[in-house]
């Protein structure tokens, strides 16, 4: 092809490209050049990505290499910052052991019991003291109240029952006296003062039969006791069993008791044996140890019988 023909051909291609360029601006970029630019871009992108990956790998490696040193530093610092923690743990273990040993050696029920017991004894002693004080002052109702409180706390002292019975007897509540003295005699069946008080309580309630039975039991146990003989003789005398009463008073008189002589003289009077009665009254009158009030009464008896 001649130069003129080649020029015309090139000119024709240029005009065609110019027309396409007027349609879309990117149409001026040739496909070969576009492809080359894309390849260059991908090459740079690949280099950048691998550079970043390499940087991250190196950074992670540097951290891993420094990691063994870091725990050593923390281990060294930790005992300094937390010196008290291991010591506290050791002390706590020792304390726990000592507490377990201490708790194991304590008998909890006994401790609780002794506290109650000590408190009860204190109250018992207080009530008993107040009861005795009121009894001495003649405040028998108050004394009874305190004796009852003391008995509720400590029931190993039957003497409280006897005091309760005696105080009921003194205020004239003989049924109460009977109640408490029976409880007392359940513990001390052969107690003399208890038997005498029970007999007197029956007598005051008008039950002479029971009173006599109790005294006869007491006489069987204590045949030479002055109070038993005197009360038994008086009961027979009250029942008008004068012969039996005389024999009992005779025993008491022979023992040297004034109560026996006086009882014997009275029985002789009731039996109309004035001579025997007068003889005994004169013996009593001559006794220098009798009180003057009694001497005056005996003197009047002697005058009336002569």
Protein backbone atom coordinates (compact mmCIF):
# COMPACT_ATOMS: atom_id res chain seq x y z
CA UNK A 1 0.00 0.00 0.00
CA UNK A 2 1.23 3.44 -0.88
CA UNK A 3 1.84 6.09 1.71
CA UNK A 4 -1.18 7.97 0.42
CA UNK A 5 -3.43 4.92 0.84
CA UNK A 6 -2.05 4.21 4.38
CA UNK A 7 -2.63 7.79 5.37
CA UNK A 8 -6.20 7.64 4.13
CA UNK A 9 -6.78 4.41 6.01
CA UNK A 10 -5.39 5.85 9.24
CA UNK A 11 -7.45 8.95 8.74
CA UNK A 12 -10.56 6.83 8.30
CA UNK A 13 -9.87 4.89 11.52
CA UNK A 14 -9.28 8.12 13.42
CA UNK A 15 -12.58 9.53 12.27
CA UNK A 16 -14.37 6.34 13.35
CA UNK A 17 -12.72 6.49 16.80
CA UNK A 18 -13.65 10.15 17.04
CA UNK A 19 -17.26 9.33 16.38
CA UNK A 20 -17.18 6.61 19.08
CA UNK A 21 -15.59 9.05 21.49
CA UNK A 22 -18.45 11.42 20.98
CA UNK A 23 -20.81 8.62 22.00
CA UNK A 24 -18.91 7.53 25.30
CA UNK A 25 -15.84 9.18 26.77
CA UNK A 26 -14.24 5.83 27.91
CA UNK A 27 -14.31 4.59 24.36
CA UNK A 28 -11.08 6.49 23.70
CA UNK A 29 -9.19 4.16 26.06
CA UNK A 30 -7.95 1.23 24.14
CA UNK A 31 -8.53 -2.28 25.52
CA UNK A 32 -4.85 -3.12 25.61
CA UNK A 33 -3.96 -0.08 27.67
CA UNK A 34 -6.89 -0.73 30.09
CA UNK A 35 -5.84 -4.31 30.64
CA UNK A 36 -2.28 -3.21 31.33
CA UNK A 37 -3.42 -0.72 33.97
CA UNK A 38 -5.49 -3.36 35.71
CA UNK A 39 -2.54 -5.74 35.87
CA UNK A 40 -0.33 -3.02 37.33
CA UNK A 41 -2.98 -2.21 39.92
CA UNK A 42 -3.32 -5.84 40.93
CA UNK A 43 0.45 -6.17 41.28
CA UNK A 44 0.62 -3.18 43.61
CA UNK A 45 -2.38 -4.44 45.56
CA UNK A 46 -0.78 -7.85 46.00
CA UNK A 47 2.47 -6.29 47.17
CA UNK A 48 0.53 -4.12 49.66
CA UNK A 49 -1.49 -7.03 51.02
CA UNK A 50 1.51 -9.28 51.47
CA UNK A 51 3.45 -6.44 53.05
CA UNK A 52 0.61 -5.95 55.54
CA UNK A 53 0.47 -9.67 56.25
CA UNK A 54 4.20 -9.76 56.76
CA UNK A 55 4.03 -6.79 59.10
CA UNK A 56 1.30 -8.44 61.18
CA UNK A 57 3.22 -11.72 61.31
CA UNK A 58 6.37 -9.96 62.46
CA UNK A 59 4.44 -7.97 65.05
CA UNK A 60 2.75 -11.10 66.42
CA UNK A 61 6.08 -12.88 66.49
CA UNK A 62 7.64 -10.04 68.46
CA UNK A 63 4.79 -10.25 70.98
CA UNK A 64 5.22 -14.01 71.32
CA UNK A 65 8.94 -13.58 71.84
CA UNK A 66 8.31 -10.99 74.56
CA UNK A 67 5.56 -13.11 76.23
CA UNK A 68 7.83 -15.34 78.41
CA UNK A 69 9.45 -12.30 79.95
CA UNK A 70 6.09 -10.75 80.83
CA UNK A 71 4.89 -13.55 83.16
CA UNK A 72 8.25 -13.53 84.91
CA UNK A 73 7.84 -9.87 85.64
CA UNK A 74 4.25 -10.41 86.81
CA UNK A 75 5.28 -13.36 88.99
CA UNK A 76 8.02 -11.30 90.54
CA UNK A 77 5.71 -8.36 91.16
CA UNK A 78 2.74 -10.44 92.35
CA UNK A 79 4.31 -11.60 95.62
CA UNK A 80 5.25 -7.97 96.31
CA UNK A 81 1.73 -6.67 95.61
CA UNK A 82 -0.06 -9.60 97.27
CA UNK A 83 2.20 -10.50 100.13
CA UNK A 84 -0.75 -10.60 102.54
CA UNK A 85 -2.85 -12.99 100.47
CA UNK A 86 -0.83 -16.20 100.99
CA UNK A 87 -0.14 -15.29 104.62
CA UNK A 88 -3.85 -14.68 105.24
CA UNK A 89 -4.69 -18.04 103.71
CA UNK A 90 -2.20 -19.81 105.98
CA UNK A 91 -3.44 -18.00 109.05
CA UNK A 92 -7.03 -18.77 108.16
CA UNK A 93 -6.25 -22.47 107.92
CA UNK A 94 -4.60 -22.43 111.31
CA UNK A 95 -7.44 -20.44 112.77
CA UNK A 96 -9.97 -22.86 111.32
CA UNK A 97 -8.14 -25.79 112.89
CA UNK A 98 -7.94 -24.10 116.26
CA UNK A 99 -11.62 -23.14 116.08
CA UNK A 100 -12.61 -26.70 115.20
CA UNK A 101 -10.58 -28.03 118.11
CA UNK A 102 -12.08 -25.45 120.46
CA UNK A 103 -15.62 -26.15 119.30
CA UNK A 104 -15.03 -29.89 119.57
CA UNK A 105 -13.95 -29.49 123.18
CA UNK A 106 -17.07 -27.54 124.16
CA UNK A 107 -20.08 -29.46 125.46
CA UNK A 108 -22.80 -27.05 124.37
CA UNK A 109 -25.74 -28.67 126.22
CA UNK A 110 -23.80 -28.68 129.48
CA UNK A 111 -22.86 -25.03 129.12
CA UNK A 112 -26.46 -24.13 128.43
CA UNK A 113 -27.60 -26.32 131.34
CA UNK A 114 -25.18 -24.82 133.84
CA UNK A 115 -26.21 -21.31 132.89
CA UNK A 116 -29.82 -22.18 133.55
CA UNK A 117 -28.89 -24.01 136.69
CA UNK A 118 -26.88 -21.12 138.05
CA UNK A 119 -29.71 -18.71 137.26
CA UNK A 120 -32.20 -21.08 138.94
CA UNK A 121 -30.09 -21.41 142.08
CA UNK A 122 -29.77 -17.62 142.34
CA UNK A 123 -33.54 -17.19 142.13
CA UNK A 124 -34.10 -20.11 144.50
CA UNK A 125 -31.82 -18.60 147.13
CA UNK A 126 -33.52 -15.22 146.73
CA UNK A 127 -37.04 -16.66 147.14
CA UNK A 128 -35.95 -18.76 150.11
CA UNK A 129 -34.38 -15.74 151.81
CA UNK A 130 -37.49 -13.61 151.25
CA UNK A 131 -39.71 -16.43 152.53
CA UNK A 132 -37.75 -16.70 155.78
CA UNK A 133 -37.69 -12.94 156.26
CA UNK A 134 -41.47 -12.70 155.87
CA UNK A 135 -42.01 -15.70 158.13
CA UNK A 136 -39.96 -14.07 160.89
CA UNK A 137 -41.94 -10.83 160.47
CA UNK A 138 -45.20 -12.75 160.76
CA UNK A 139 -46.18 -12.07 157.13
CA UNK A 140 -47.23 -15.64 156.58
CA UNK A 141 -49.11 -15.09 153.29
CA UNK A 142 -46.07 -13.49 151.67
CA UNK A 143 -43.84 -16.18 153.14
CA UNK A 144 -46.07 -18.88 151.64
CA UNK A 145 -45.86 -17.19 148.23
CA UNK A 146 -42.05 -17.11 148.28
CA UNK A 147 -41.78 -20.69 149.57
CA UNK A 148 -43.96 -21.86 146.68
CA UNK A 149 -41.74 -20.07 144.14
CA UNK A 150 -38.65 -21.61 145.70
CA UNK A 151 -40.21 -25.08 145.59
CA UNK A 152 -41.06 -24.71 141.88
CA UNK A 153 -37.37 -24.13 141.14
CA UNK A 154 -35.75 -26.65 143.48
CA UNK A 155 -37.76 -29.69 144.56
CA UNK A 156 -34.94 -31.41 146.36
CA UNK A 157 -35.54 -29.57 149.63
CA UNK A 158 -38.62 -31.11 151.32
CA UNK A 159 -38.16 -28.74 154.26
CA UNK A 160 -39.97 -26.17 152.10
CA UNK A 161 -43.04 -28.43 152.10
CA UNK A 162 -42.95 -28.60 155.87
CA UNK A 163 -42.71 -24.79 156.16
CA UNK A 164 -45.63 -24.43 153.75
CA UNK A 165 -47.72 -26.83 155.82
CA UNK A 166 -46.82 -25.13 159.09
CA UNK A 167 -47.63 -21.66 157.77
CA UNK A 168 -50.98 -22.87 156.42
CA UNK A 169 -51.64 -24.30 159.88
CA UNK A 170 -50.78 -20.97 161.52
CA UNK A 171 -53.16 -18.98 159.29
CA UNK A 172 -55.91 -21.51 159.99
CA UNK A 173 -56.03 -23.11 156.55
CA UNK A 174 -55.78 -26.69 157.80
CA UNK A 175 -56.68 -28.28 154.48
CA UNK A 176 -53.62 -26.62 152.94
CA UNK A 177 -51.56 -27.77 155.91
CA UNK A 178 -52.74 -31.34 155.31
CA UNK A 179 -51.91 -31.13 151.59
CA UNK A 180 -48.30 -30.03 152.01
CA UNK A 181 -47.48 -32.20 155.01
CA UNK A 182 -48.68 -35.29 153.14
CA UNK A 183 -46.31 -34.42 150.30
CA UNK A 184 -43.57 -33.99 152.87
CA UNK A 185 -44.30 -37.39 154.45
CA UNK A 186 -44.16 -39.11 151.07
CA UNK A 187 -40.49 -38.18 151.06
CA UNK A 188 -39.85 -38.64 154.79
CA UNK A 189 -42.40 -41.20 155.94
CA UNK A 190 -41.10 -41.50 159.51
CA UNK A 191 -40.43 -37.84 160.19
CA UNK A 192 -41.71 -37.03 163.69
CA UNK A 193 -42.49 -33.36 163.22
CA UNK A 194 -44.38 -34.20 160.02
CA UNK A 195 -46.50 -36.83 161.77
CA UNK A 196 -47.27 -34.45 164.64
CA UNK A 197 -48.29 -31.63 162.29
CA UNK A 198 -50.52 -33.94 160.26
CA UNK A 199 -52.19 -35.15 163.44
CA UNK A 200 -52.78 -31.59 164.64
CA UNK A 201 -54.22 -30.63 161.23
CA UNK A 202 -56.70 -33.51 161.42
CA UNK A 203 -57.57 -32.55 164.97
CA UNK A 204 -58.23 -28.92 163.97
CA UNK A 205 -60.48 -30.14 161.14
CA UNK A 206 -62.41 -32.20 163.72
CA UNK A 207 -61.23 -35.57 162.45
CA UNK A 208 -60.02 -36.98 165.77
CA UNK A 209 -60.00 -40.53 164.48
CA UNK A 210 -57.41 -39.79 161.79
CA UNK A 211 -55.46 -37.62 164.19
CA UNK A 212 -55.26 -40.46 166.69
CA UNK A 213 -54.22 -43.01 164.05
CA UNK A 214 -51.33 -40.79 163.01
CA UNK A 215 -50.23 -40.29 166.61
CA UNK A 216 -50.42 -44.01 167.36
CA UNK A 217 -48.12 -44.61 164.39
CA UNK A 218 -45.79 -41.96 165.78
CA UNK A 219 -45.94 -43.58 169.23
CA UNK A 220 -44.97 -46.93 167.69
CA UNK A 221 -41.92 -45.27 166.10
CA UNK A 222 -41.07 -42.96 169.04
CA UNK A 223 -42.54 -44.49 172.23
CA UNK A 224 -40.66 -42.19 174.59
CA UNK A 225 -41.11 -38.93 172.76
CA UNK A 226 -42.61 -36.23 174.96
CA UNK A 227 -44.66 -34.53 172.21
CA UNK A 228 -46.11 -37.81 170.97
CA UNK A 229 -47.15 -38.89 174.47
CA UNK A 230 -48.58 -35.50 175.36
CA UNK A 231 -50.64 -35.16 172.16
CA UNK A 232 -51.82 -38.75 172.26
CA UNK A 233 -52.86 -38.45 175.93
CA UNK A 234 -54.70 -35.22 175.16
CA UNK A 235 -56.59 -36.84 172.25
CA UNK A 236 -57.75 -39.75 174.44
CA UNK A 237 -58.72 -37.27 177.11
CA UNK A 238 -60.69 -35.27 174.54
CA UNK A 239 -62.49 -38.46 173.45
CA UNK A 240 -63.19 -39.13 177.13
CA UNK A 241 -61.10 -42.30 177.00
CA UNK A 242 -59.81 -41.31 180.44
CA UNK A 243 -58.26 -44.62 181.50
CA UNK A 244 -56.07 -44.75 178.41
CA UNK A 245 -55.28 -41.05 178.78
CA UNK A 246 -54.31 -41.63 182.43
CA UNK A 247 -51.86 -44.39 181.47
CA UNK A 248 -50.25 -42.24 178.83
CA UNK A 249 -49.94 -39.23 181.16
CA UNK A 250 -48.51 -41.53 183.83
CA UNK A 251 -45.68 -42.53 181.47
CA UNK A 252 -45.00 -38.89 180.67
CA UNK A 253 -45.11 -37.92 184.38
CA UNK A 254 -42.69 -40.68 185.36
CA UNK A 255 -40.30 -39.31 182.75
CA UNK A 256 -40.30 -36.05 184.78
CA UNK A 257 -42.29 -33.88 182.40
CA UNK A 258 -44.57 -31.23 183.89
CA UNK A 259 -47.12 -31.77 181.09
CA UNK A 260 -47.53 -35.39 182.23
CA UNK A 261 -48.25 -34.37 185.84
CA UNK A 262 -50.75 -31.72 184.84
CA UNK A 263 -52.53 -34.14 182.46
CA UNK A 264 -52.62 -36.85 185.11
CA UNK A 265 -54.07 -34.42 187.69
CA UNK A 266 -56.82 -33.35 185.26
CA UNK A 267 -57.76 -36.97 184.50
CA UNK A 268 -58.00 -37.75 188.22
CA UNK A 269 -60.31 -34.78 188.61
CA UNK A 270 -62.53 -36.06 185.79
CA UNK A 271 -62.50 -39.51 187.38
CA UNK A 272 -63.60 -37.88 190.68
CA UNK A 273 -60.37 -38.98 192.33
CA UNK A 274 -59.84 -35.64 194.05
CA UNK A 275 -57.34 -37.04 196.50
CA UNK A 276 -54.98 -38.22 193.79
CA UNK A 277 -55.49 -34.97 191.86
CA UNK A 278 -54.80 -32.84 194.96
CA UNK A 279 -51.61 -34.75 195.66
CA UNK A 280 -50.24 -34.09 192.19
CA UNK A 281 -51.23 -30.40 192.26
CA UNK A 282 -49.36 -29.89 195.54
CA UNK A 283 -46.23 -31.50 194.07
CA UNK A 284 -46.41 -29.14 191.14
CA UNK A 285 -46.97 -26.09 193.39
CA UNK A 286 -43.82 -26.89 195.36
CA UNK A 287 -41.70 -26.99 192.20
CA UNK A 288 -39.60 -23.78 192.23
CA UNK A 289 -39.07 -23.91 188.47
CA UNK A 290 -42.69 -23.39 187.41
CA UNK A 291 -43.70 -19.93 186.14
CA UNK A 292 -45.65 -17.70 188.58
CA UNK A 293 -48.70 -17.59 186.32
CA UNK A 294 -48.95 -21.39 186.50
CA UNK A 295 -48.31 -21.37 190.25
CA UNK A 296 -51.30 -19.07 190.72
CA UNK A 297 -53.55 -21.44 188.72
CA UNK A 298 -52.33 -24.46 190.71
CA UNK A 299 -52.98 -22.64 193.96
CA UNK A 300 -56.57 -22.00 192.88
CA UNK A 301 -56.98 -25.70 192.02
CA UNK A 302 -55.71 -26.76 195.41
CA UNK A 303 -58.12 -24.40 197.15
CA UNK A 304 -61.06 -25.71 195.09
CA UNK A 305 -60.23 -29.36 195.77
CA UNK A 306 -59.59 -29.09 199.54
